[in-house]
Amino acid sequence: MAYAVIRVRGHSGVNQDIEDTMVLMRLNRINHCVILPETDSIKGMLNKTKDYVTYGEIDEETLARMIKFRGRLVGDKPVDDAVVKEGTQYSSIMAFARALCAGEVRYDAMKDVKPLFRLTPPRKGYEGNKRSFQNGGALGYRGKKINELIQRMM
């Protein structure tokens, strides 16, 4: 399983230890998204940064669509099926997304790919960037509902 992690809050007033953890996850700016595998160390990083990011399990269709429309190579070239076929053992973006969701491969394993997605702010905005998702806000774990947020941000 893979997690989609999106930075919701900015740099102001962030504890340096939490900021360093977000740099390790490559979340340097608001509305940047990364795809991370499910490991114990990643879960610890997500727990540490839960007051500044939102995350959940991404599904194959949303991930394939995000790679196609928001994935970029070095030089700001788009990612397409030919690039995936050349840089990995998979024949299409959908097959690569399926393998990413299953945890068989990492997104940055593809040659010359930028390891993050620059998304737009969500249509109709965030629910609130100071409360957790369980309390009506936008922060922390949101499970499968991360797919709805990503659809609004593409």
N, C-alpha and C. Protein backbone atom coordinates (compact mmCIF):
# COMPACT_ATOMS: atom_id res chain seq x y z
N MET A 1 0.84 -1.17 0.00
CA MET A 1 0.00 0.00 0.00
C MET A 1 0.89 1.24 0.00
N ALA A 2 0.41 2.31 -0.61
CA ALA A 2 1.15 3.55 -0.69
C ALA A 2 0.32 4.69 -0.12
N TYR A 3 1.00 5.60 0.53
CA TYR A 3 0.36 6.79 1.08
C TYR A 3 0.61 7.99 0.16
N ALA A 4 -0.41 8.78 -0.05
CA ALA A 4 -0.26 10.09 -0.67
C ALA A 4 -0.23 11.10 0.47
N VAL A 5 0.81 11.93 0.50
CA VAL A 5 1.00 12.91 1.57
C VAL A 5 1.03 14.29 0.94
N ILE A 6 0.21 15.21 1.44
CA ILE A 6 0.11 16.57 0.91
C ILE A 6 0.39 17.55 2.03
N ARG A 7 1.28 18.51 1.77
CA ARG A 7 1.55 19.55 2.76
C ARG A 7 0.44 20.59 2.69
N VAL A 8 -0.15 20.91 3.86
CA VAL A 8 -1.28 21.84 3.93
C VAL A 8 -0.86 23.17 4.52
N ARG A 9 0.02 23.16 5.51
CA ARG A 9 0.40 24.39 6.20
C ARG A 9 1.81 24.81 5.82
N GLY A 10 2.12 26.09 5.98
CA GLY A 10 3.38 26.66 5.57
C GLY A 10 4.49 26.52 6.59
N HIS A 11 5.51 27.37 6.45
CA HIS A 11 6.73 27.29 7.24
C HIS A 11 6.67 28.07 8.55
N SER A 12 5.83 29.03 8.65
CA SER A 12 5.83 29.94 9.78
C SER A 12 5.47 29.24 11.08
N GLY A 13 6.35 29.34 12.05
CA GLY A 13 6.10 28.81 13.37
C GLY A 13 6.25 27.30 13.51
N VAL A 14 6.89 26.65 12.56
CA VAL A 14 7.05 25.21 12.60
C VAL A 14 8.30 24.87 13.41
N ASN A 15 8.18 23.89 14.30
CA ASN A 15 9.31 23.39 15.05
C ASN A 15 10.37 22.88 14.08
N GLN A 16 11.63 23.13 14.35
CA GLN A 16 12.70 22.77 13.43
C GLN A 16 12.78 21.26 13.21
N ASP A 17 12.51 20.48 14.23
CA ASP A 17 12.54 19.03 14.10
C ASP A 17 11.46 18.55 13.13
N ILE A 18 10.28 19.14 13.21
CA ILE A 18 9.18 18.78 12.29
C ILE A 18 9.50 19.25 10.87
N GLU A 19 10.09 20.43 10.75
CA GLU A 19 10.46 20.95 9.43
C GLU A 19 11.51 20.05 8.78
N ASP A 20 12.48 19.57 9.56
CA ASP A 20 13.49 18.66 9.02
C ASP A 20 12.86 17.36 8.54
N THR A 21 11.87 16.86 9.26
CA THR A 21 11.18 15.64 8.85
C THR A 21 10.43 15.87 7.54
N MET A 22 9.82 17.03 7.37
CA MET A 22 9.11 17.32 6.12
C MET A 22 10.09 17.48 4.96
N VAL A 23 11.28 18.01 5.24
CA VAL A 23 12.30 18.09 4.19
C VAL A 23 12.74 16.69 3.77
N LEU A 24 12.88 15.78 4.72
CA LEU A 24 13.22 14.39 4.39
C LEU A 24 12.15 13.74 3.53
N MET A 25 10.89 14.13 3.73
CA MET A 25 9.80 13.59 2.91
C MET A 25 9.63 14.38 1.61
N ARG A 26 10.46 15.40 1.38
CA ARG A 26 10.43 16.27 0.19
C ARG A 26 9.19 17.14 0.13
N LEU A 27 8.63 17.49 1.26
CA LEU A 27 7.46 18.38 1.31
C LEU A 27 7.93 19.77 1.70
N ASN A 28 8.46 20.52 0.73
CA ASN A 28 9.04 21.82 1.01
C ASN A 28 8.07 22.97 0.86
N ARG A 29 6.98 22.77 0.14
CA ARG A 29 6.02 23.84 -0.10
C ARG A 29 4.60 23.35 0.09
N ILE A 30 3.69 24.31 0.26
CA ILE A 30 2.28 23.99 0.39
C ILE A 30 1.79 23.40 -0.93
N ASN A 31 0.87 22.44 -0.86
CA ASN A 31 0.22 21.77 -1.99
C ASN A 31 1.17 20.86 -2.77
N HIS A 32 2.33 20.54 -2.21
CA HIS A 32 3.17 19.52 -2.81
C HIS A 32 2.72 18.17 -2.29
N CYS A 33 2.76 17.17 -3.16
CA CYS A 33 2.31 15.83 -2.81
C CYS A 33 3.43 14.84 -3.13
N VAL A 34 3.63 13.87 -2.24
CA VAL A 34 4.58 12.79 -2.48
C VAL A 34 3.86 11.46 -2.25
N ILE A 35 4.38 10.42 -2.89
CA ILE A 35 3.86 9.06 -2.72
C ILE A 35 4.91 8.29 -1.92
N LEU A 36 4.53 7.80 -0.75
CA LEU A 36 5.45 7.09 0.13
C LEU A 36 4.95 5.69 0.41
N PRO A 37 5.86 4.71 0.52
CA PRO A 37 5.44 3.35 0.84
C PRO A 37 5.05 3.23 2.31
N GLU A 38 4.33 2.18 2.62
CA GLU A 38 3.90 1.95 3.99
C GLU A 38 4.99 1.17 4.73
N THR A 39 5.78 1.88 5.53
CA THR A 39 6.79 1.26 6.39
C THR A 39 6.66 1.86 7.78
N ASP A 40 7.32 1.24 8.74
CA ASP A 40 7.25 1.75 10.11
C ASP A 40 7.89 3.13 10.23
N SER A 41 9.00 3.36 9.53
CA SER A 41 9.66 4.66 9.62
C SER A 41 8.81 5.76 8.98
N ILE A 42 8.14 5.44 7.88
CA ILE A 42 7.26 6.42 7.23
C ILE A 42 6.08 6.73 8.14
N LYS A 43 5.51 5.70 8.78
CA LYS A 43 4.39 5.93 9.70
C LYS A 43 4.81 6.84 10.86
N GLY A 44 6.04 6.67 11.35
CA GLY A 44 6.54 7.54 12.40
C GLY A 44 6.70 8.98 11.92
N MET A 45 7.17 9.15 10.69
CA MET A 45 7.30 10.50 10.12
C MET A 45 5.94 11.14 9.93
N LEU A 46 4.96 10.37 9.49
CA LEU A 46 3.62 10.91 9.30
C LEU A 46 2.99 11.28 10.64
N ASN A 47 3.22 10.49 11.66
CA ASN A 47 2.70 10.80 12.98
C ASN A 47 3.32 12.08 13.52
N LYS A 48 4.60 12.30 13.23
CA LYS A 48 5.30 13.50 13.71
C LYS A 48 4.78 14.76 13.00
N THR A 49 4.44 14.65 11.72
CA THR A 49 4.06 15.82 10.93
C THR A 49 2.56 15.94 10.72
N LYS A 50 1.77 15.20 11.47
CA LYS A 50 0.32 15.15 11.23
C LYS A 50 -0.38 16.49 11.40
N ASP A 51 0.24 17.45 12.10
CA ASP A 51 -0.38 18.76 12.28
C ASP A 51 -0.06 19.73 11.15
N TYR A 52 0.66 19.27 10.13
CA TYR A 52 1.03 20.13 9.01
C TYR A 52 0.72 19.49 7.65
N VAL A 53 0.40 18.20 7.64
CA VAL A 53 0.13 17.50 6.38
C VAL A 53 -1.19 16.74 6.49
N THR A 54 -1.69 16.31 5.34
CA THR A 54 -2.80 15.37 5.31
C THR A 54 -2.36 14.18 4.47
N TYR A 55 -2.82 12.99 4.82
CA TYR A 55 -2.38 11.79 4.12
C TYR A 55 -3.44 10.70 4.18
N GLY A 56 -3.29 9.74 3.27
CA GLY A 56 -4.20 8.61 3.22
C GLY A 56 -3.77 7.64 2.14
N GLU A 57 -4.50 6.53 2.01
CA GLU A 57 -4.18 5.51 1.02
C GLU A 57 -4.72 5.94 -0.34
N ILE A 58 -3.83 6.01 -1.32
CA ILE A 58 -4.23 6.42 -2.66
C ILE A 58 -4.62 5.18 -3.47
N ASP A 59 -5.62 5.33 -4.34
CA ASP A 59 -6.01 4.20 -5.18
C ASP A 59 -5.34 4.30 -6.55
N GLU A 60 -5.43 3.22 -7.32
CA GLU A 60 -4.70 3.11 -8.59
C GLU A 60 -5.13 4.15 -9.62
N GLU A 61 -6.44 4.37 -9.74
CA GLU A 61 -6.94 5.29 -10.77
C GLU A 61 -6.49 6.72 -10.49
N THR A 62 -6.58 7.14 -9.24
CA THR A 62 -6.17 8.51 -8.89
C THR A 62 -4.67 8.68 -9.08
N LEU A 63 -3.90 7.66 -8.69
CA LEU A 63 -2.45 7.74 -8.85
C LEU A 63 -2.06 7.79 -10.31
N ALA A 64 -2.69 6.96 -11.15
CA ALA A 64 -2.39 6.98 -12.58
C ALA A 64 -2.73 8.33 -13.20
N ARG A 65 -3.86 8.88 -12.80
CA ARG A 65 -4.26 10.20 -13.32
C ARG A 65 -3.29 11.29 -12.86
N MET A 66 -2.84 11.21 -11.60
CA MET A 66 -1.91 12.21 -11.08
C MET A 66 -0.55 12.10 -11.78
N ILE A 67 -0.09 10.89 -12.04
CA ILE A 67 1.18 10.72 -12.76
C ILE A 67 1.06 11.29 -14.17
N LYS A 68 -0.06 11.02 -14.83
CA LYS A 68 -0.24 11.47 -16.20
C LYS A 68 -0.33 13.00 -16.31
N PHE A 69 -1.09 13.63 -15.41
CA PHE A 69 -1.32 15.06 -15.53
C PHE A 69 -0.35 15.93 -14.74
N ARG A 70 0.21 15.42 -13.65
CA ARG A 70 1.07 16.23 -12.80
C ARG A 70 2.49 15.69 -12.65
N GLY A 71 2.77 14.50 -13.16
CA GLY A 71 4.12 13.95 -13.08
C GLY A 71 5.05 14.68 -14.03
N ARG A 72 6.26 14.97 -13.58
CA ARG A 72 7.22 15.69 -14.40
C ARG A 72 8.59 15.02 -14.34
N LEU A 73 9.30 15.13 -15.47
CA LEU A 73 10.68 14.68 -15.54
C LEU A 73 11.60 15.87 -15.35
N VAL A 74 12.88 15.61 -15.22
CA VAL A 74 13.85 16.69 -15.16
C VAL A 74 13.77 17.46 -16.47
N GLY A 75 13.73 18.78 -16.39
CA GLY A 75 13.52 19.61 -17.57
C GLY A 75 12.06 19.95 -17.78
N ASP A 76 11.21 19.62 -16.82
CA ASP A 76 9.78 19.91 -16.81
C ASP A 76 9.05 19.29 -18.00
N LYS A 77 9.48 18.09 -18.38
CA LYS A 77 8.78 17.35 -19.42
C LYS A 77 7.73 16.46 -18.77
N PRO A 78 6.59 16.25 -19.41
CA PRO A 78 5.54 15.42 -18.80
C PRO A 78 5.89 13.93 -18.87
N VAL A 79 5.28 13.17 -17.97
CA VAL A 79 5.45 11.72 -17.95
C VAL A 79 4.33 11.10 -18.78
N ASP A 80 4.69 10.21 -19.70
CA ASP A 80 3.69 9.50 -20.49
C ASP A 80 4.05 8.02 -20.55
N ASP A 81 3.26 7.24 -21.28
CA ASP A 81 3.47 5.79 -21.33
C ASP A 81 4.84 5.42 -21.90
N ALA A 82 5.32 6.19 -22.87
CA ALA A 82 6.63 5.89 -23.47
C ALA A 82 7.75 6.08 -22.45
N VAL A 83 7.66 7.10 -21.64
CA VAL A 83 8.68 7.35 -20.62
C VAL A 83 8.66 6.26 -19.56
N VAL A 84 7.46 5.83 -19.16
CA VAL A 84 7.34 4.76 -18.16
C VAL A 84 7.89 3.46 -18.73
N LYS A 85 7.61 3.16 -19.99
CA LYS A 85 8.09 1.94 -20.62
C LYS A 85 9.61 1.94 -20.74
N GLU A 86 10.18 3.11 -21.03
CA GLU A 86 11.63 3.22 -21.18
C GLU A 86 12.36 3.18 -19.83
N GLY A 87 11.78 3.81 -18.81
CA GLY A 87 12.48 3.95 -17.53
C GLY A 87 12.21 2.85 -16.52
N THR A 88 11.18 2.02 -16.75
CA THR A 88 10.83 0.96 -15.82
C THR A 88 10.53 -0.32 -16.58
N GLN A 89 10.18 -1.36 -15.87
CA GLN A 89 9.80 -2.62 -16.51
C GLN A 89 8.32 -2.68 -16.84
N TYR A 90 7.58 -1.60 -16.55
CA TYR A 90 6.13 -1.59 -16.76
C TYR A 90 5.81 -0.95 -18.10
N SER A 91 4.71 -1.39 -18.71
CA SER A 91 4.39 -0.98 -20.07
C SER A 91 3.53 0.28 -20.16
N SER A 92 2.87 0.65 -19.04
CA SER A 92 2.00 1.81 -19.10
C SER A 92 1.96 2.49 -17.74
N ILE A 93 1.37 3.67 -17.71
CA ILE A 93 1.22 4.41 -16.46
C ILE A 93 0.31 3.65 -15.51
N MET A 94 -0.75 3.03 -16.03
CA MET A 94 -1.68 2.30 -15.17
C MET A 94 -1.01 1.10 -14.51
N ALA A 95 -0.19 0.37 -15.26
CA ALA A 95 0.53 -0.77 -14.69
C ALA A 95 1.53 -0.31 -13.64
N PHE A 96 2.20 0.80 -13.90
CA PHE A 96 3.15 1.36 -12.94
C PHE A 96 2.42 1.82 -11.68
N ALA A 97 1.26 2.46 -11.83
CA ALA A 97 0.48 2.90 -10.68
C ALA A 97 -0.02 1.71 -9.86
N ARG A 98 -0.40 0.64 -10.53
CA ARG A 98 -0.85 -0.57 -9.84
C ARG A 98 0.28 -1.15 -8.99
N ALA A 99 1.49 -1.16 -9.55
CA ALA A 99 2.65 -1.67 -8.81
C ALA A 99 3.02 -0.74 -7.64
N LEU A 100 2.87 0.56 -7.83
CA LEU A 100 3.13 1.51 -6.74
C LEU A 100 2.16 1.29 -5.59
N CYS A 101 0.89 1.12 -5.90
CA CYS A 101 -0.11 0.90 -4.85
C CYS A 101 0.11 -0.42 -4.13
N ALA A 102 0.63 -1.41 -4.83
CA ALA A 102 0.89 -2.72 -4.21
C ALA A 102 2.18 -2.71 -3.40
N GLY A 103 3.00 -1.67 -3.55
CA GLY A 103 4.26 -1.59 -2.81
C GLY A 103 5.40 -2.33 -3.47
N GLU A 104 5.28 -2.68 -4.74
CA GLU A 104 6.32 -3.42 -5.45
C GLU A 104 7.46 -2.53 -5.90
N VAL A 105 7.19 -1.24 -6.10
CA VAL A 105 8.20 -0.33 -6.63
C VAL A 105 7.97 1.04 -6.00
N ARG A 106 9.02 1.86 -5.99
CA ARG A 106 8.90 3.23 -5.50
C ARG A 106 8.77 4.18 -6.69
N TYR A 107 8.13 5.32 -6.48
CA TYR A 107 7.92 6.27 -7.57
C TYR A 107 9.23 6.83 -8.09
N ASP A 108 10.18 7.08 -7.20
CA ASP A 108 11.45 7.65 -7.65
C ASP A 108 12.38 6.62 -8.30
N ALA A 109 11.91 5.38 -8.49
CA ALA A 109 12.70 4.37 -9.20
C ALA A 109 12.72 4.64 -10.70
N MET A 110 11.76 5.41 -11.20
CA MET A 110 11.73 5.76 -12.61
C MET A 110 12.86 6.74 -12.90
N LYS A 111 13.49 6.59 -14.04
CA LYS A 111 14.65 7.39 -14.39
C LYS A 111 14.25 8.85 -14.66
N ASP A 112 15.01 9.79 -14.08
CA ASP A 112 14.87 11.24 -14.30
C ASP A 112 13.52 11.81 -13.90
N VAL A 113 12.79 11.19 -13.00
CA VAL A 113 11.48 11.70 -12.59
C VAL A 113 11.66 12.60 -11.37
N LYS A 114 10.89 13.66 -11.32
CA LYS A 114 10.86 14.50 -10.12
C LYS A 114 10.02 13.76 -9.07
N PRO A 115 10.50 13.65 -7.83
CA PRO A 115 9.85 12.77 -6.85
C PRO A 115 8.63 13.36 -6.18
N LEU A 116 8.12 14.48 -6.66
CA LEU A 116 6.93 15.08 -6.04
C LEU A 116 5.99 15.59 -7.12
N PHE A 117 4.77 15.88 -6.70
CA PHE A 117 3.75 16.42 -7.59
C PHE A 117 3.38 17.81 -7.08
N ARG A 118 3.40 18.80 -7.96
CA ARG A 118 2.98 20.15 -7.60
C ARG A 118 1.50 20.29 -7.95
N LEU A 119 0.67 20.29 -6.94
CA LEU A 119 -0.78 20.36 -7.14
C LEU A 119 -1.27 21.80 -6.96
N THR A 120 -2.45 22.08 -7.48
CA THR A 120 -3.07 23.38 -7.29
C THR A 120 -3.85 23.36 -5.98
N PRO A 121 -4.19 24.52 -5.43
CA PRO A 121 -5.06 24.51 -4.25
C PRO A 121 -6.40 23.84 -4.59
N PRO A 122 -7.02 23.17 -3.65
CA PRO A 122 -8.25 22.43 -3.97
C PRO A 122 -9.42 23.35 -4.31
N ARG A 123 -10.23 22.91 -5.26
CA ARG A 123 -11.46 23.65 -5.55
C ARG A 123 -12.33 23.66 -4.30
N LYS A 124 -12.91 24.77 -4.01
CA LYS A 124 -13.72 25.01 -2.82
C LYS A 124 -12.89 24.98 -1.54
N GLY A 125 -11.58 24.98 -1.66
CA GLY A 125 -10.68 25.16 -0.52
C GLY A 125 -10.55 23.96 0.40
N TYR A 126 -9.65 24.11 1.37
CA TYR A 126 -9.50 23.12 2.42
C TYR A 126 -10.64 23.29 3.41
N GLU A 127 -10.85 22.27 4.21
CA GLU A 127 -11.91 22.33 5.20
C GLU A 127 -11.53 23.23 6.37
N GLY A 128 -10.28 23.52 6.52
CA GLY A 128 -9.74 24.33 7.61
C GLY A 128 -8.36 23.78 7.91
N ASN A 129 -7.35 24.64 7.97
CA ASN A 129 -6.00 24.11 8.09
C ASN A 129 -5.45 24.16 9.51
N LYS A 130 -6.32 24.21 10.52
CA LYS A 130 -5.85 24.18 11.90
C LYS A 130 -6.45 23.04 12.71
N ARG A 131 -7.37 22.28 12.11
CA ARG A 131 -8.00 21.17 12.83
C ARG A 131 -7.76 19.87 12.07
N SER A 132 -7.85 18.76 12.81
CA SER A 132 -7.67 17.46 12.18
C SER A 132 -8.88 17.12 11.32
N PHE A 133 -8.70 16.16 10.44
CA PHE A 133 -9.78 15.76 9.54
C PHE A 133 -10.96 15.18 10.32
N GLN A 134 -10.68 14.49 11.41
CA GLN A 134 -11.74 13.91 12.24
C GLN A 134 -12.57 14.99 12.93
N ASN A 135 -11.99 16.17 13.14
CA ASN A 135 -12.69 17.28 13.79
C ASN A 135 -13.19 18.31 12.79
N GLY A 136 -13.30 17.94 11.52
CA GLY A 136 -13.85 18.85 10.52
C GLY A 136 -12.82 19.69 9.81
N GLY A 137 -11.54 19.45 9.99
CA GLY A 137 -10.49 20.21 9.34
C GLY A 137 -9.88 19.44 8.18
N ALA A 138 -8.63 19.78 7.87
CA ALA A 138 -7.97 19.17 6.72
C ALA A 138 -6.71 18.41 7.09
N LEU A 139 -6.27 18.41 8.33
CA LEU A 139 -4.98 17.86 8.71
C LEU A 139 -5.07 16.41 9.14
N GLY A 140 -3.95 15.70 9.03
CA GLY A 140 -3.85 14.35 9.55
C GLY A 140 -4.37 13.29 8.61
N TYR A 141 -4.66 12.14 9.18
CA TYR A 141 -5.07 10.96 8.40
C TYR A 141 -6.51 11.10 7.92
N ARG A 142 -6.71 10.84 6.62
CA ARG A 142 -8.06 10.89 6.07
C ARG A 142 -8.43 9.64 5.29
N GLY A 143 -7.60 8.63 5.31
CA GLY A 143 -7.94 7.36 4.69
C GLY A 143 -8.15 7.46 3.20
N LYS A 144 -9.18 6.80 2.70
CA LYS A 144 -9.47 6.77 1.26
C LYS A 144 -9.99 8.11 0.74
N LYS A 145 -10.39 9.00 1.63
CA LYS A 145 -10.90 10.30 1.20
C LYS A 145 -9.81 11.21 0.66
N ILE A 146 -8.54 10.79 0.75
CA ILE A 146 -7.45 11.56 0.15
C ILE A 146 -7.63 11.61 -1.37
N ASN A 147 -8.26 10.57 -1.93
CA ASN A 147 -8.49 10.54 -3.38
C ASN A 147 -9.42 11.66 -3.83
N GLU A 148 -10.44 11.95 -3.03
CA GLU A 148 -11.35 13.05 -3.36
C GLU A 148 -10.62 14.39 -3.32
N LEU A 149 -9.74 14.57 -2.33
CA LEU A 149 -8.98 15.82 -2.23
C LEU A 149 -8.04 15.97 -3.42
N ILE A 150 -7.37 14.90 -3.82
CA ILE A 150 -6.45 14.96 -4.95
C ILE A 150 -7.20 15.26 -6.23
N GLN A 151 -8.41 14.70 -6.40
CA GLN A 151 -9.20 15.01 -7.59
C GLN A 151 -9.54 16.49 -7.65
N ARG A 152 -9.81 17.09 -6.48
CA ARG A 152 -10.12 18.52 -6.44
C ARG A 152 -8.88 19.38 -6.69
N MET A 153 -7.69 18.82 -6.51
CA MET A 153 -6.45 19.58 -6.65
C MET A 153 -5.81 19.43 -8.02
N MET A 154 -6.32 18.58 -8.89
CA MET A 154 -5.71 18.39 -10.21
C MET A 154 -6.35 19.26 -11.27
